């Protein structure tokens, strides 16, 4: 399995998530399900970027808490704004 886990596979997964999010938007779908899908896709892509492209998978706990914490704060903020505006 280690041979399949490389930057190219992660890049391909990120592109598929990006295309799926694009098509959700182009289809004109809305509501909780669309918002949740796009947020989860963004969260997964953010985790891939932090862990693999920024190469923070082996750093101290403080840096991981800062980076992943910021990602969660942004996603929760977006979800909160969606709930409050609806």
Protein backbone atom coordinates (compact mmCIF):
# COMPACT_ATOMS: atom_id res chain seq x y z
CA UNK A 1 0.00 0.00 0.00
CA UNK A 2 2.91 2.31 0.66
CA UNK A 3 3.75 2.39 -3.05
CA UNK A 4 0.27 3.71 -3.91
CA UNK A 5 0.51 6.52 -1.37
CA UNK A 6 2.51 9.13 -3.18
CA UNK A 7 2.14 12.72 -4.22
CA UNK A 8 0.64 11.85 -7.59
CA UNK A 9 -2.20 9.83 -6.07
CA UNK A 10 -2.90 12.60 -3.58
CA UNK A 11 -2.88 15.17 -6.37
CA UNK A 12 -5.32 13.05 -8.37
CA UNK A 13 -7.66 12.72 -5.37
CA UNK A 14 -7.51 16.46 -4.83
CA UNK A 15 -8.36 17.09 -8.48
CA UNK A 16 -11.32 14.69 -8.28
CA UNK A 17 -12.59 16.46 -5.15
CA UNK A 18 -12.19 19.80 -6.90
CA UNK A 19 -14.12 18.63 -9.95
CA UNK A 20 -16.84 17.10 -7.78
CA UNK A 21 -17.21 20.39 -5.88
CA UNK A 22 -17.36 22.27 -9.15
CA UNK A 23 -20.11 20.05 -10.51
CA UNK A 24 -22.10 20.37 -7.28
CA UNK A 25 -22.00 24.13 -7.78
CA UNK A 26 -22.77 24.00 -11.50
CA UNK A 27 -25.73 21.69 -10.93
CA UNK A 28 -27.34 24.42 -8.88
CA UNK A 29 -27.80 22.18 -5.90
CA UNK A 30 -28.06 23.82 -2.55
CA UNK A 31 -28.93 23.09 1.00
CA UNK A 32 -27.25 21.20 3.76
CA UNK A 33 -26.06 18.29 1.69
CA UNK A 34 -24.27 20.41 -0.90
CA UNK A 35 -22.72 22.63 1.77
CA UNK A 36 -21.60 19.62 3.79
CA UNK A 37 -20.09 17.92 0.74
CA UNK A 38 -18.13 20.99 -0.31
CA UNK A 39 -16.89 21.61 3.24
CA UNK A 40 -15.79 18.00 3.71
CA UNK A 41 -14.03 18.11 0.34
CA UNK A 42 -12.25 21.31 1.37
CA UNK A 43 -11.32 19.79 4.71
CA UNK A 44 -9.87 16.66 3.11
CA UNK A 45 -7.94 18.75 0.59
CA UNK A 46 -6.64 20.97 3.39
CA UNK A 47 -5.45 17.95 5.33
CA UNK A 48 -3.64 16.63 2.23
CA UNK A 49 -2.01 20.00 1.66
CA UNK A 50 -0.89 20.41 5.26
CA UNK A 51 0.37 16.86 5.69
CA UNK A 52 1.88 16.09 2.30
CA UNK A 53 2.57 19.21 0.27
CA UNK A 54 3.69 21.38 3.19
CA UNK A 55 5.44 18.28 4.60
CA UNK A 56 4.22 18.84 8.14
CA UNK A 57 3.58 15.17 8.87
CA UNK A 58 6.67 14.86 11.06
CA UNK A 59 6.76 18.20 12.87
CA UNK A 60 6.11 18.95 16.51
CA UNK A 61 2.65 18.78 18.02
CA UNK A 62 2.47 22.56 18.33
CA UNK A 63 2.74 23.11 14.56
CA UNK A 64 0.19 20.40 13.83
CA UNK A 65 -2.26 21.91 16.33
CA UNK A 66 -1.78 25.37 14.78
CA UNK A 67 -2.22 24.22 11.18
CA UNK A 68 -5.04 21.73 11.66
CA UNK A 69 -6.69 24.00 14.21
CA UNK A 70 -6.78 26.87 11.72
CA UNK A 71 -8.28 24.57 9.10
CA UNK A 72 -11.03 23.48 11.51
CA UNK A 73 -11.71 27.06 12.62
CA UNK A 74 -12.20 28.17 9.02
CA UNK A 75 -14.49 25.24 8.16
CA UNK A 76 -16.57 25.69 11.32
CA UNK A 77 -16.78 29.43 10.60
CA UNK A 78 -18.08 28.78 7.10
CA UNK A 79 -20.64 26.26 8.37
CA UNK A 80 -21.75 28.68 11.09
CA UNK A 81 -22.16 31.49 8.57
CA UNK A 82 -24.27 29.17 6.40
CA UNK A 83 -26.52 28.21 9.32
CA UNK A 84 -26.93 31.79 10.55
CA UNK A 85 -27.73 33.13 7.08
CA UNK A 86 -30.33 30.44 6.36
